[in-house]
Amino acid sequence: MKITKSHNLCPLCGGTKKKGKTIFAVDLGFGVVVVREVPATVCSQCGADWIGDSVAKKLEKIVEEARKRHNLVEVMSLSK
């Protein structure tokens, strides 16, 4: 019997993965960066999320810029 894994199934709970949005947060030690409306693949059952490589690169740039500004709290939205 051949077992196949579906790319549309959550590996954590078996729920369905769909395109959606999530919140990305980073604790910088001196402050926090929160990015809302981040495009991601989200499990409809457990809420687990996965961020694609291109979005992750954008988030890395946002975090680096926030680190330079040294704000205590920085909240922003990521638009596609």
PDB file of N, CA and C in Angstrom:
ATOM      1  N   MET A   1       0.839  -1.184   0.000  1.00  0.00           N
ATOM      2  CA  MET A   1       0.000   0.000   0.000  1.00  0.00           C
ATOM      3  C   MET A   1       0.882   1.246   0.000  1.00  0.00           C
ATOM      4  N   LYS A   2       0.639   2.128  -0.919  1.00  0.00           N
ATOM      5  CA  LYS A   2       1.408   3.360  -1.045  1.00  0.00           C
ATOM      6  C   LYS A   2       0.714   4.473  -0.264  1.00  0.00           C
ATOM      7  N   ILE A   3       1.469   5.115   0.607  1.00  0.00           N
ATOM      8  CA  ILE A   3       0.927   6.228   1.388  1.00  0.00           C
ATOM      9  C   ILE A   3       1.399   7.528   0.756  1.00  0.00           C
ATOM     10  N   THR A   4       0.467   8.396   0.434  1.00  0.00           N
ATOM     11  CA  THR A   4       0.815   9.680  -0.157  1.00  0.00           C
ATOM     12  C   THR A   4       0.423  10.799   0.794  1.00  0.00           C
ATOM     13  N   LYS A   5       1.214  11.835   0.809  1.00  0.00           N
ATOM     14  CA  LYS A   5       0.912  13.005   1.634  1.00  0.00           C
ATOM     15  C   LYS A   5       0.398  14.108   0.734  1.00  0.00           C
ATOM     16  N   SER A   6      -0.653  14.737   1.147  1.00  0.00           N
ATOM     17  CA  SER A   6      -1.208  15.846   0.385  1.00  0.00           C
ATOM     18  C   SER A   6      -0.566  17.139   0.867  1.00  0.00           C
ATOM     19  N   HIS A   7      -0.192  17.992  -0.051  1.00  0.00           N
ATOM     20  CA  HIS A   7       0.382  19.295   0.302  1.00  0.00           C
ATOM     21  C   HIS A   7      -0.678  20.221   0.885  1.00  0.00           C
ATOM     22  N   ASN A   8      -1.945  19.840   0.738  1.00  0.00           N
ATOM     23  CA  ASN A   8      -3.029  20.662   1.259  1.00  0.00           C
ATOM     24  C   ASN A   8      -3.437  20.271   2.675  1.00  0.00           C
ATOM     25  N   LEU A   9      -2.797  19.252   3.238  1.00  0.00           N
ATOM     26  CA  LEU A   9      -3.134  18.822   4.588  1.00  0.00           C
ATOM     27  C   LEU A   9      -2.085  19.311   5.586  1.00  0.00           C
ATOM     28  N   CYS A  10      -2.554  19.772   6.719  1.00  0.00           N
ATOM     29  CA  CYS A  10      -1.680  20.233   7.785  1.00  0.00           C
ATOM     30  C   CYS A  10      -0.918  19.039   8.365  1.00  0.00           C
ATOM     31  N   PRO A  11       0.409  19.123   8.446  1.00  0.00           N
ATOM     32  CA  PRO A  11       1.174  18.014   9.007  1.00  0.00           C
ATOM     33  C   PRO A  11       0.993  17.886  10.523  1.00  0.00           C
ATOM     34  N   LEU A  12       0.429  18.899  11.159  1.00  0.00           N
ATOM     35  CA  LEU A  12       0.251  18.884  12.607  1.00  0.00           C
ATOM     36  C   LEU A  12      -1.059  18.244  13.035  1.00  0.00           C
ATOM     37  N   CYS A  13      -2.151  18.571  12.321  1.00  0.00           N
ATOM     38  CA  CYS A  13      -3.458  18.081  12.762  1.00  0.00           C
ATOM     39  C   CYS A  13      -4.256  17.377  11.669  1.00  0.00           C
ATOM     40  N   GLY A  14      -3.804  17.473  10.418  1.00  0.00           N
ATOM     41  CA  GLY A  14      -4.534  16.856   9.315  1.00  0.00           C
ATOM     42  C   GLY A  14      -5.610  17.741   8.717  1.00  0.00           C
ATOM     43  N   GLY A  15      -5.734  18.976   9.237  1.00  0.00           N
ATOM     44  CA  GLY A  15      -6.705  19.924   8.691  1.00  0.00           C
ATOM     45  C   GLY A  15      -6.307  20.399   7.308  1.00  0.00           C
ATOM     46  N   THR A  16      -7.126  21.230   6.710  1.00  0.00           N
ATOM     47  CA  THR A  16      -6.883  21.743   5.367  1.00  0.00           C
ATOM     48  C   THR A  16      -6.090  23.044   5.420  1.00  0.00           C
ATOM     49  N   LYS A  17      -5.014  23.117   4.627  1.00  0.00           N
ATOM     50  CA  LYS A  17      -4.218  24.343   4.531  1.00  0.00           C
ATOM     51  C   LYS A  17      -4.793  25.213   3.408  1.00  0.00           C
ATOM     52  N   LYS A  18      -4.980  26.488   3.703  1.00  0.00           N
ATOM     53  CA  LYS A  18      -5.512  27.438   2.724  1.00  0.00           C
ATOM     54  C   LYS A  18      -4.724  28.730   2.770  1.00  0.00           C
ATOM     55  N   LYS A  19      -4.797  29.498   1.683  1.00  0.00           N
ATOM     56  CA  LYS A  19      -4.171  30.820   1.673  1.00  0.00           C
ATOM     57  C   LYS A  19      -4.910  31.714   2.647  1.00  0.00           C
ATOM     58  N   GLY A  20      -4.143  32.506   3.378  1.00  0.00           N
ATOM     59  CA  GLY A  20      -4.740  33.407   4.344  1.00  0.00           C
ATOM     60  C   GLY A  20      -3.737  34.443   4.803  1.00  0.00           C
ATOM     61  N   LYS A  21      -3.949  34.957   5.993  1.00  0.00           N
ATOM     62  CA  LYS A  21      -3.057  35.973   6.562  1.00  0.00           C
ATOM     63  C   LYS A  21      -2.759  35.600   8.002  1.00  0.00           C
ATOM     64  N   THR A  22      -1.615  36.055   8.483  1.00  0.00           N
ATOM     65  CA  THR A  22      -1.214  35.787   9.855  1.00  0.00           C
ATOM     66  C   THR A  22      -0.550  37.028  10.443  1.00  0.00           C
ATOM     67  N   ILE A  23      -0.189  36.935  11.700  1.00  0.00           N
ATOM     68  CA  ILE A  23       0.553  37.991  12.391  1.00  0.00           C
ATOM     69  C   ILE A  23       1.945  37.454  12.684  1.00  0.00           C
ATOM     70  N   PHE A  24       2.953  38.263  12.403  1.00  0.00           N
ATOM     71  CA  PHE A  24       4.347  37.895  12.640  1.00  0.00           C
ATOM     72  C   PHE A  24       4.886  38.813  13.717  1.00  0.00           C
ATOM     73  N   ALA A  25       5.452  38.242  14.770  1.00  0.00           N
ATOM     74  CA  ALA A  25       5.978  39.050  15.867  1.00  0.00           C
ATOM     75  C   ALA A  25       7.393  38.605  16.211  1.00  0.00           C
ATOM     76  N   VAL A  26       8.244  39.591  16.552  1.00  0.00           N
ATOM     77  CA  VAL A  26       9.629  39.322  16.927  1.00  0.00           C
ATOM     78  C   VAL A  26       9.966  40.124  18.173  1.00  0.00           C
ATOM     79  N   ASP A  27      10.559  39.460  19.156  1.00  0.00           N
ATOM     80  CA  ASP A  27      11.049  40.125  20.359  1.00  0.00           C
ATOM     81  C   ASP A  27      12.518  40.442  20.136  1.00  0.00           C
ATOM     82  N   LEU A  28      12.854  41.727  20.065  1.00  0.00           N
ATOM     83  CA  LEU A  28      14.227  42.153  19.812  1.00  0.00           C
ATOM     84  C   LEU A  28      15.036  42.329  21.096  1.00  0.00           C
ATOM     85  N   GLY A  29      14.435  42.054  22.228  1.00  0.00           N
ATOM     86  CA  GLY A  29      15.131  42.243  23.496  1.00  0.00           C
ATOM     87  C   GLY A  29      14.811  43.594  24.093  1.00  0.00           C
ATOM     88  N   PHE A  30      15.016  44.645  23.326  1.00  0.00           N
ATOM     89  CA  PHE A  30      14.717  46.007  23.772  1.00  0.00           C
ATOM     90  C   PHE A  30      13.319  46.438  23.367  1.00  0.00           C
ATOM     91  N   GLY A  31      12.712  45.707  22.465  1.00  0.00           N
ATOM     92  CA  GLY A  31      11.377  46.050  21.965  1.00  0.00           C
ATOM     93  C   GLY A  31      10.790  44.911  21.149  1.00  0.00           C
ATOM     94  N   VAL A  32       9.611  45.172  20.611  1.00  0.00           N
ATOM     95  CA  VAL A  32       8.872  44.159  19.865  1.00  0.00           C
ATOM     96  C   VAL A  32       8.444  44.729  18.514  1.00  0.00           C
ATOM     97  N   VAL A  33       8.533  43.897  17.487  1.00  0.00           N
ATOM     98  CA  VAL A  33       8.037  44.249  16.156  1.00  0.00           C
ATOM     99  C   VAL A  33       6.864  43.324  15.860  1.00  0.00           C
ATOM    100  N   VAL A  34       5.741  43.895  15.469  1.00  0.00           N
ATOM    101  CA  VAL A  34       4.558  43.116  15.101  1.00  0.00           C
ATOM    102  C   VAL A  34       4.156  43.526  13.689  1.00  0.00           C
ATOM    103  N   VAL A  35       4.048  42.544  12.813  1.00  0.00           N
ATOM    104  CA  VAL A  35       3.625  42.806  11.438  1.00  0.00           C
ATOM    105  C   VAL A  35       2.311  42.069  11.225  1.00  0.00           C
ATOM    106  N   ARG A  36       1.287  42.821  10.885  1.00  0.00           N
ATOM    107  CA  ARG A  36      -0.056  42.258  10.661  1.00  0.00           C
ATOM    108  C   ARG A  36      -0.296  42.032   9.181  1.00  0.00           C
ATOM    109  N   GLU A  37      -1.320  41.263   8.872  1.00  0.00           N
ATOM    110  CA  GLU A  37      -1.748  41.026   7.488  1.00  0.00           C
ATOM    111  C   GLU A  37      -0.638  40.392   6.641  1.00  0.00           C
ATOM    112  N   VAL A  38       0.091  39.439   7.198  1.00  0.00           N
ATOM    113  CA  VAL A  38       1.180  38.766   6.489  1.00  0.00           C
ATOM    114  C   VAL A  38       0.590  37.608   5.682  1.00  0.00           C
ATOM    115  N   PRO A  39       0.781  37.602   4.359  1.00  0.00           N
ATOM    116  CA  PRO A  39       0.281  36.494   3.543  1.00  0.00           C
ATOM    117  C   PRO A  39       0.937  35.183   3.979  1.00  0.00           C
ATOM    118  N   ALA A  40       0.127  34.152   4.158  1.00  0.00           N
ATOM    119  CA  ALA A  40       0.635  32.865   4.620  1.00  0.00           C
ATOM    120  C   ALA A  40      -0.320  31.756   4.205  1.00  0.00           C
ATOM    121  N   THR A  41       0.131  30.544   4.397  1.00  0.00           N
ATOM    122  CA  THR A  41      -0.736  29.388   4.279  1.00  0.00           C
ATOM    123  C   THR A  41      -1.143  29.041   5.706  1.00  0.00           C
ATOM    124  N   VAL A  42      -2.442  28.924   5.947  1.00  0.00           N
ATOM    125  CA  VAL A  42      -2.952  28.748   7.302  1.00  0.00           C
ATOM    126  C   VAL A  42      -3.853  27.519   7.373  1.00  0.00           C
ATOM    127  N   CYS A  43      -3.672  26.716   8.430  1.00  0.00           N
ATOM    128  CA  CYS A  43      -4.533  25.553   8.633  1.00  0.00           C
ATOM    129  C   CYS A  43      -5.890  26.027   9.133  1.00  0.00           C
ATOM    130  N   SER A  44      -6.942  25.561   8.475  1.00  0.00           N
ATOM    131  CA  SER A  44      -8.293  25.968   8.858  1.00  0.00           C
ATOM    132  C   SER A  44      -8.754  25.315  10.156  1.00  0.00           C
ATOM    133  N   GLN A  45      -8.049  24.285  10.593  1.00  0.00           N
ATOM    134  CA  GLN A  45      -8.448  23.584  11.812  1.00  0.00           C
ATOM    135  C   GLN A  45      -7.666  24.039  13.049  1.00  0.00           C
ATOM    136  N   CYS A  46      -6.335  24.021  12.995  1.00  0.00           N
ATOM    137  CA  CYS A  46      -5.538  24.342  14.185  1.00  0.00           C
ATOM    138  C   CYS A  46      -4.916  25.736  14.158  1.00  0.00           C
ATOM    139  N   GLY A  47      -4.929  26.399  12.986  1.00  0.00           N
ATOM    140  CA  GLY A  47      -4.405  27.753  12.884  1.00  0.00           C
ATOM    141  C   GLY A  47      -2.905  27.844  12.654  1.00  0.00           C
ATOM    142  N   ALA A  48      -2.227  26.714  12.534  1.00  0.00           N
ATOM    143  CA  ALA A  48      -0.786  26.747  12.234  1.00  0.00           C
ATOM    144  C   ALA A  48      -0.584  27.501  10.919  1.00  0.00           C
ATOM    145  N   ASP A  49       0.553  28.202  10.810  1.00  0.00           N
ATOM    146  CA  ASP A  49       0.780  28.985   9.598  1.00  0.00           C
ATOM    147  C   ASP A  49       2.182  28.788   9.054  1.00  0.00           C
ATOM    148  N   TRP A  50       2.311  28.987   7.746  1.00  0.00           N
ATOM    149  CA  TRP A  50       3.567  28.867   7.036  1.00  0.00           C
ATOM    150  C   TRP A  50       3.727  30.091   6.152  1.00  0.00           C
ATOM    151  N   ILE A  51       4.915  30.703   6.214  1.00  0.00           N
ATOM    152  CA  ILE A  51       5.214  31.914   5.452  1.00  0.00           C
ATOM    153  C   ILE A  51       6.183  31.536   4.335  1.00  0.00           C
ATOM    154  N   GLY A  52       5.903  31.987   3.124  1.00  0.00           N
ATOM    155  CA  GLY A  52       6.752  31.692   1.979  1.00  0.00           C
ATOM    156  C   GLY A  52       8.076  32.443   2.035  1.00  0.00           C
ATOM    157  N   ASP A  53       9.030  31.992   1.242  1.00  0.00           N
ATOM    158  CA  ASP A  53      10.379  32.568   1.226  1.00  0.00           C
ATOM    159  C   ASP A  53      10.399  34.052   0.865  1.00  0.00           C
ATOM    160  N   SER A  54       9.630  34.448  -0.145  1.00  0.00           N
ATOM    161  CA  SER A  54       9.654  35.854  -0.568  1.00  0.00           C
ATOM    162  C   SER A  54       9.089  36.763   0.517  1.00  0.00           C
ATOM    163  N   VAL A  55       8.057  36.303   1.212  1.00  0.00           N
ATOM    164  CA  VAL A  55       7.478  37.079   2.307  1.00  0.00           C
ATOM    165  C   VAL A  55       8.458  37.120   3.476  1.00  0.00           C
ATOM    166  N   ALA A  56       9.120  35.998   3.746  1.00  0.00           N
ATOM    167  CA  ALA A  56      10.107  35.950   4.841  1.00  0.00           C
ATOM    168  C   ALA A  56      11.234  36.951   4.606  1.00  0.00           C
ATOM    169  N   LYS A  57      11.658  37.108   3.366  1.00  0.00           N
ATOM    170  CA  LYS A  57      12.713  38.086   3.054  1.00  0.00           C
ATOM    171  C   LYS A  57      12.248  39.505   3.354  1.00  0.00           C
ATOM    172  N   LYS A  58      10.987  39.810   3.022  1.00  0.00           N
ATOM    173  CA  LYS A  58      10.436  41.131   3.328  1.00  0.00           C
ATOM    174  C   LYS A  58      10.394  41.347   4.837  1.00  0.00           C
ATOM    175  N   LEU A  59       9.995  40.315   5.574  1.00  0.00           N
ATOM    176  CA  LEU A  59       9.922  40.420   7.026  1.00  0.00           C
ATOM    177  C   LEU A  59      11.307  40.630   7.638  1.00  0.00           C
ATOM    178  N   GLU A  60      12.311  39.967   7.091  1.00  0.00           N
ATOM    179  CA  GLU A  60      13.681  40.156   7.575  1.00  0.00           C
ATOM    180  C   GLU A  60      14.120  41.607   7.417  1.00  0.00           C
ATOM    181  N   LYS A  61      13.783  42.224   6.284  1.00  0.00           N
ATOM    182  CA  LYS A  61      14.131  43.625   6.054  1.00  0.00           C
ATOM    183  C   LYS A  61      13.401  44.533   7.036  1.00  0.00           C
ATOM    184  N   ILE A  62      12.135  44.250   7.277  1.00  0.00           N
ATOM    185  CA  ILE A  62      11.343  45.051   8.220  1.00  0.00           C
ATOM    186  C   ILE A  62      11.948  44.970   9.619  1.00  0.00           C
ATOM    187  N   VAL A  63      12.305  43.768  10.034  1.00  0.00           N
ATOM    188  CA  VAL A  63      12.883  43.582  11.372  1.00  0.00           C
ATOM    189  C   VAL A  63      14.231  44.294  11.477  1.00  0.00           C
ATOM    190  N   GLU A  64      15.042  44.209  10.453  1.00  0.00           N
ATOM    191  CA  GLU A  64      16.348  44.882  10.481  1.00  0.00           C
ATOM    192  C   GLU A  64      16.194  46.399  10.574  1.00  0.00           C
ATOM    193  N   GLU A  65      15.240  46.955   9.819  1.00  0.00           N
ATOM    194  CA  GLU A  65      14.993  48.399   9.890  1.00  0.00           C
ATOM    195  C   GLU A  65      14.461  48.795  11.272  1.00  0.00           C
ATOM    196  N   ALA A  66      13.595  47.982  11.836  1.00  0.00           N
ATOM    197  CA  ALA A  66      13.062  48.256  13.173  1.00  0.00           C
ATOM    198  C   ALA A  66      14.175  48.197  14.216  1.00  0.00           C
ATOM    199  N   ARG A  67      15.093  47.262  14.054  1.00  0.00           N
ATOM    200  CA  ARG A  67      16.231  47.146  14.965  1.00  0.00           C
ATOM    201  C   ARG A  67      17.064  48.437  14.938  1.00  0.00           C
ATOM    202  N   LYS A  68      17.231  49.015  13.759  1.00  0.00           N
ATOM    203  CA  LYS A  68      18.006  50.260  13.624  1.00  0.00           C
ATOM    204  C   LYS A  68      17.292  51.430  14.298  1.00  0.00           C
ATOM    205  N   ARG A  69      15.951  51.465  14.217  1.00  0.00           N
ATOM    206  CA  ARG A  69      15.189  52.563  14.820  1.00  0.00           C
ATOM    207  C   ARG A  69      15.118  52.438  16.338  1.00  0.00           C
ATOM    208  N   HIS A  70      15.272  51.226  16.843  1.00  0.00           N
ATOM    209  CA  HIS A  70      15.346  50.956  18.282  1.00  0.00           C
ATOM    210  C   HIS A  70      14.095  51.398  19.039  1.00  0.00           C
ATOM    211  N   ASN A  71      12.919  51.264  18.413  1.00  0.00           N
ATOM    212  CA  ASN A  71      11.658  51.595  19.078  1.00  0.00           C
ATOM    213  C   ASN A  71      11.271  50.486  20.053  1.00  0.00           C
ATOM    214  N   LEU A  72      10.548  50.858  21.095  1.00  0.00           N
ATOM    215  CA  LEU A  72      10.076  49.883  22.062  1.00  0.00           C
ATOM    216  C   LEU A  72       9.035  48.953  21.435  1.00  0.00           C
ATOM    217  N   VAL A  73       8.079  49.528  20.702  1.00  0.00           N
ATOM    218  CA  VAL A  73       7.047  48.753  20.010  1.00  0.00           C
ATOM    219  C   VAL A  73       6.873  49.332  18.616  1.00  0.00           C
ATOM    220  N   GLU A  74       6.812  48.449  17.646  1.00  0.00           N
ATOM    221  CA  GLU A  74       6.565  48.872  16.261  1.00  0.00           C
ATOM    222  C   GLU A  74       5.559  47.913  15.660  1.00  0.00           C
ATOM    223  N   VAL A  75       4.432  48.445  15.202  1.00  0.00           N
ATOM    224  CA  VAL A  75       3.373  47.628  14.602  1.00  0.00           C
ATOM    225  C   VAL A  75       3.124  48.142  13.193  1.00  0.00           C
ATOM    226  N   MET A  76       3.088  47.226  12.246  1.00  0.00           N
ATOM    227  CA  MET A  76       2.830  47.623  10.859  1.00  0.00           C
ATOM    228  C   MET A  76       2.096  46.506  10.148  1.00  0.00           C
ATOM    229  N   SER A  77       1.575  46.811   8.958  1.00  0.00           N
ATOM    230  CA  SER A  77       0.910  45.803   8.114  1.00  0.00           C
ATOM    231  C   SER A  77       1.777  45.551   6.900  1.00  0.00           C
ATOM    232  N   LEU A  78       1.754  44.339   6.431  1.00  0.00           N
ATOM    233  CA  LEU A  78       2.490  43.967   5.227  1.00  0.00           C
ATOM    234  C   LEU A  78       1.485  43.810   4.105  1.00  0.00           C
ATOM    235  N   SER A  79       1.618  44.630   3.088  1.00  0.00           N
ATOM    236  CA  SER A  79       0.701  44.515   1.945  1.00  0.00           C
ATOM    237  C   SER A  79       1.419  43.774   0.830  1.00  0.00           C
ATOM    238  N   LYS A  80       0.659  43.011   0.079  1.00  0.00           N
ATOM    239  CA  LYS A  80       1.212  42.226  -1.021  1.00  0.00           C
ATOM    240  C   LYS A  80       1.752  43.082  -2.115  1.00  0.00           C
TER     241      LYS A  80
END
